[in-house]
Amino acid sequence: MYRAKRGGKARCEVSDPAMHANAVKRLKLETDLRKAFDQGEFRVFYQPIVSLKTGKITGFEALTRWQRPEGVVPPGEFITVAEEIGLIIPMNRQLRLEACQRLQAWQAEFAANPPLSMSVNITPKEFAQPDLASEIGTALKHIGFNPACLQLEIIETIAMGDTEKSGQVLAQLKALGVRLSIDDFGTGYSSLSRLRKIPVDTLKIDRAFIMNMDTDSESREIVRIIIMLAHNLGLKVVAEGTETEEHIKLLKALDCEMAQGYSYSRPADDKAMLKLLESNRSASAASAGN
């Protein structure tokens, strides 16, 4: 069934031994995922988002990791299935709450102007939920979280999709006071006129372009055009997948505001991020003293 659905509408597939083996594997994964959620095996990891101008950490992206007894499961091996079976909704609800509470603790210890922010992903399954905005709003009020410090990331194909439906959901989210970001920008088929009309604050350039911009002139030109487009629309830009000093140098030359990637830190737990914040504060203080 899943193979037929992935292939498009009005299709059929003939079962074979390989399909049976995959079906058994899939069923086990679904069972393990539900059990993992009940047993609290999902962890929140964080990756810093850094100002290219100052080198200071401006915020974090919260990411789900599955901590099994035998080790951490890469997200590519379970996120799609969690989305298909609907488990992603309670998983991400839990992630948002924990990440926002963690950020409140960091904000109290590491004062900044503007304050540190937290970015979380909104998946297609969540975006389709009619009560998404009210659920997020209720949760933020419950913990006393400043909505302006929360950035919701929505993939380009969803944010720029059905004009009426996506526009209504984006408007509801924006009314909460949160900030909106289009994730993986450049990989879809965006209408520039549509982009101008939606209430988005930030574009995140897909890592595929950033990773190749130092060796591929076409990727570099795409990055330049996206940054120019964003600035003309009054939007800020985050470059994902920043891995080398050359990437950073090129992005600075293009006036990109922020970067995220292995050149700063791999995704890690809150203890590692606390140490990174302390190190970043010390480095900033030393720089200010010179």
Foldseek 3Di string as FASTA:
>chain_A
DVVQVVVDPPDDDDDDPVNVVVVVVLVVLVVVVVVQVVVVQKAWWWFFKAFLVQRFTQAIEIDIWGQDPVGIDPCVVRVVSCLVVVVVVVVQLVRVLVRQVLQVVVCVVQPDVVTYAYEYEQEPSLLPDPCNLVSVLVSCVVVVGQQCRYEYEYEPCQCQDDLPSNQVSQVSNVVSVHAYEHECPPPDDHDLVSVLPHRHAEYEHHLVLLVCLVPDVVSVVSVLVVCVSQVVSNHAYEYEANADPVSSVSCVVSVHTIYIHPNQHDTGHSVVVVVSNVVSVVVSVVVVVD
